[in-house]
Amino acid sequence: MPEQISELRYLEKLKVDQNNLKYLPSEMFKLSNLNTLTACNNNLSFLPDGIETLSKLEILLINDNKI
């Protein structure tokens, strides 16, 4: 995921399913309006510190990962 993701300040929904992601980059925790994050079918093995800063996050879908 590109570092420029943090510039999308008004982004509310992010779907990154089936991208072979091994981690969620810390830049995405600057998305203060994010309310839905879908990261299914990747290679995530943990949720990083900082995810709690997404105070508007209501929906988090991470099924079919290594978590």
N, C-alpha and C. Protein backbone atom coordinates (compact mmCIF):
# COMPACT_ATOMS: atom_id res chain seq x y z
N MET A 1 0.85 -1.16 0.00
CA MET A 1 0.00 0.00 0.00
C MET A 1 0.91 1.24 0.00
N PRO A 2 0.66 2.20 -0.87
CA PRO A 2 1.54 3.38 -0.94
C PRO A 2 1.42 4.29 0.28
N GLU A 3 2.51 4.94 0.61
CA GLU A 3 2.54 5.87 1.75
C GLU A 3 1.54 7.01 1.58
N GLN A 4 1.22 7.35 0.35
CA GLN A 4 0.30 8.46 0.08
C GLN A 4 -1.12 8.17 0.56
N ILE A 5 -1.38 6.97 1.00
CA ILE A 5 -2.72 6.64 1.52
C ILE A 5 -3.12 7.61 2.63
N SER A 6 -2.16 8.08 3.38
CA SER A 6 -2.46 8.98 4.50
C SER A 6 -3.00 10.33 4.04
N GLU A 7 -2.84 10.65 2.76
CA GLU A 7 -3.33 11.93 2.23
C GLU A 7 -4.84 11.90 1.95
N LEU A 8 -5.43 10.72 2.02
CA LEU A 8 -6.87 10.57 1.75
C LEU A 8 -7.65 10.77 3.04
N ARG A 9 -7.56 11.96 3.59
CA ARG A 9 -8.11 12.26 4.92
C ARG A 9 -9.61 12.05 5.05
N TYR A 10 -10.33 12.16 3.97
CA TYR A 10 -11.79 12.05 4.03
C TYR A 10 -12.30 10.67 3.63
N LEU A 11 -11.38 9.76 3.40
CA LEU A 11 -11.75 8.39 3.02
C LEU A 11 -12.51 7.73 4.16
N GLU A 12 -13.64 7.13 3.83
CA GLU A 12 -14.47 6.48 4.84
C GLU A 12 -14.43 4.96 4.74
N LYS A 13 -14.23 4.43 3.54
CA LYS A 13 -14.22 2.98 3.34
C LYS A 13 -12.98 2.59 2.55
N LEU A 14 -12.33 1.54 3.04
CA LEU A 14 -11.13 1.04 2.37
C LEU A 14 -11.23 -0.46 2.27
N LYS A 15 -11.14 -0.97 1.04
CA LYS A 15 -11.23 -2.40 0.79
C LYS A 15 -9.93 -2.84 0.13
N VAL A 16 -9.17 -3.67 0.83
CA VAL A 16 -7.89 -4.16 0.31
C VAL A 16 -7.85 -5.69 0.35
N ASP A 17 -8.96 -6.31 0.05
CA ASP A 17 -9.04 -7.77 0.02
C ASP A 17 -8.15 -8.35 -1.08
N GLN A 18 -7.65 -9.54 -0.83
CA GLN A 18 -6.90 -10.34 -1.82
C GLN A 18 -5.73 -9.58 -2.44
N ASN A 19 -4.92 -8.97 -1.59
CA ASN A 19 -3.75 -8.24 -2.08
C ASN A 19 -2.43 -8.79 -1.53
N ASN A 20 -2.50 -9.94 -0.88
CA ASN A 20 -1.30 -10.58 -0.34
C ASN A 20 -0.56 -9.68 0.65
N LEU A 21 -1.31 -8.85 1.37
CA LEU A 21 -0.71 -7.96 2.37
C LEU A 21 -0.22 -8.76 3.56
N LYS A 22 0.97 -8.42 4.03
CA LYS A 22 1.53 -9.08 5.21
C LYS A 22 1.34 -8.22 6.46
N TYR A 23 1.08 -6.94 6.26
CA TYR A 23 0.85 -6.03 7.37
C TYR A 23 0.05 -4.83 6.88
N LEU A 24 -0.55 -4.14 7.81
CA LEU A 24 -1.24 -2.88 7.51
C LEU A 24 -0.28 -1.75 7.84
N PRO A 25 0.03 -0.89 6.88
CA PRO A 25 1.02 0.16 7.12
C PRO A 25 0.52 1.22 8.10
N SER A 26 1.43 1.75 8.87
CA SER A 26 1.08 2.75 9.88
C SER A 26 0.50 4.02 9.26
N GLU A 27 0.80 4.31 8.01
CA GLU A 27 0.26 5.50 7.34
C GLU A 27 -1.26 5.49 7.31
N MET A 28 -1.83 4.32 7.26
CA MET A 28 -3.30 4.26 7.17
C MET A 28 -3.98 4.69 8.46
N PHE A 29 -3.24 4.76 9.57
CA PHE A 29 -3.84 5.17 10.83
C PHE A 29 -4.03 6.67 10.92
N LYS A 30 -3.65 7.38 9.87
CA LYS A 30 -3.92 8.81 9.77
C LYS A 30 -5.27 9.09 9.10
N LEU A 31 -5.95 8.03 8.70
CA LEU A 31 -7.26 8.16 8.03
C LEU A 31 -8.34 8.32 9.09
N SER A 32 -8.47 9.51 9.61
CA SER A 32 -9.32 9.77 10.77
C SER A 32 -10.81 9.59 10.50
N ASN A 33 -11.23 9.55 9.25
CA ASN A 33 -12.64 9.37 8.93
C ASN A 33 -12.99 7.94 8.51
N LEU A 34 -12.02 7.06 8.55
CA LEU A 34 -12.24 5.68 8.12
C LEU A 34 -13.22 4.99 9.05
N ASN A 35 -14.33 4.49 8.48
CA ASN A 35 -15.30 3.77 9.31
C ASN A 35 -15.42 2.30 8.92
N THR A 36 -14.89 1.93 7.75
CA THR A 36 -14.95 0.54 7.30
C THR A 36 -13.60 0.14 6.70
N LEU A 37 -13.05 -0.93 7.21
CA LEU A 37 -11.80 -1.48 6.68
C LEU A 37 -12.01 -2.96 6.42
N THR A 38 -11.83 -3.35 5.17
CA THR A 38 -11.95 -4.75 4.77
C THR A 38 -10.60 -5.20 4.24
N ALA A 39 -10.01 -6.20 4.90
CA ALA A 39 -8.70 -6.71 4.50
C ALA A 39 -8.72 -8.24 4.54
N CYS A 40 -9.73 -8.82 3.92
CA CYS A 40 -9.89 -10.27 3.91
C CYS A 40 -8.96 -10.91 2.87
N ASN A 41 -8.69 -12.19 3.08
CA ASN A 41 -7.91 -12.99 2.14
C ASN A 41 -6.54 -12.39 1.83
N ASN A 42 -5.81 -12.04 2.86
CA ASN A 42 -4.44 -11.56 2.73
C ASN A 42 -3.53 -12.48 3.54
N ASN A 43 -2.37 -12.02 3.91
CA ASN A 43 -1.43 -12.79 4.74
C ASN A 43 -1.14 -12.07 6.04
N LEU A 44 -2.12 -11.37 6.57
CA LEU A 44 -1.94 -10.65 7.84
C LEU A 44 -1.80 -11.65 8.97
N SER A 45 -0.82 -11.44 9.84
CA SER A 45 -0.64 -12.33 10.99
C SER A 45 -0.84 -11.59 12.31
N PHE A 46 -1.06 -10.28 12.24
CA PHE A 46 -1.30 -9.49 13.45
C PHE A 46 -1.97 -8.18 13.08
N LEU A 47 -2.60 -7.56 14.04
CA LEU A 47 -3.11 -6.20 13.89
C LEU A 47 -2.10 -5.28 14.55
N PRO A 48 -1.62 -4.30 13.85
CA PRO A 48 -0.55 -3.45 14.38
C PRO A 48 -1.01 -2.49 15.48
N ASP A 49 -0.06 -2.10 16.32
CA ASP A 49 -0.32 -1.03 17.28
C ASP A 49 -0.70 0.20 16.48
N GLY A 50 -1.66 0.92 16.94
CA GLY A 50 -2.10 2.12 16.25
C GLY A 50 -3.49 1.98 15.66
N ILE A 51 -3.94 0.75 15.49
CA ILE A 51 -5.28 0.58 14.91
C ILE A 51 -6.34 1.20 15.80
N GLU A 52 -6.05 1.31 17.09
CA GLU A 52 -7.02 1.91 18.02
C GLU A 52 -7.18 3.41 17.79
N THR A 53 -6.30 4.03 17.02
CA THR A 53 -6.43 5.45 16.73
C THR A 53 -7.52 5.74 15.69
N LEU A 54 -8.00 4.70 15.05
CA LEU A 54 -9.09 4.86 14.08
C LEU A 54 -10.40 4.92 14.85
N SER A 55 -10.67 6.04 15.45
CA SER A 55 -11.79 6.18 16.38
C SER A 55 -13.17 6.05 15.72
N LYS A 56 -13.26 6.25 14.42
CA LYS A 56 -14.54 6.14 13.73
C LYS A 56 -14.76 4.76 13.10
N LEU A 57 -13.77 3.89 13.25
CA LEU A 57 -13.86 2.55 12.65
C LEU A 57 -14.97 1.76 13.32
N GLU A 58 -15.95 1.36 12.52
CA GLU A 58 -17.09 0.58 13.01
C GLU A 58 -17.07 -0.84 12.49
N ILE A 59 -16.53 -1.01 11.28
CA ILE A 59 -16.52 -2.33 10.64
C ILE A 59 -15.08 -2.68 10.29
N LEU A 60 -14.63 -3.82 10.81
CA LEU A 60 -13.30 -4.34 10.51
C LEU A 60 -13.47 -5.79 10.12
N LEU A 61 -13.20 -6.09 8.86
CA LEU A 61 -13.32 -7.46 8.36
C LEU A 61 -11.91 -7.94 7.97
N ILE A 62 -11.45 -8.98 8.66
CA ILE A 62 -10.10 -9.49 8.42
C ILE A 62 -10.10 -11.02 8.33
N ASN A 63 -11.21 -11.61 7.94
CA ASN A 63 -11.27 -13.07 7.86
C ASN A 63 -10.37 -13.59 6.74
N ASP A 64 -10.02 -14.86 6.86
CA ASP A 64 -9.13 -15.55 5.93
C ASP A 64 -7.75 -14.93 5.86
N ASN A 65 -7.18 -14.68 7.02
CA ASN A 65 -5.80 -14.24 7.19
C ASN A 65 -5.13 -15.22 8.15
N LYS A 66 -3.93 -14.94 8.55
CA LYS A 66 -3.20 -15.82 9.47
C LYS A 66 -3.35 -15.40 10.92
N ILE A 67 -4.31 -14.53 11.18
CA ILE A 67 -4.54 -14.04 12.54
C ILE A 67 -5.32 -15.09 13.33
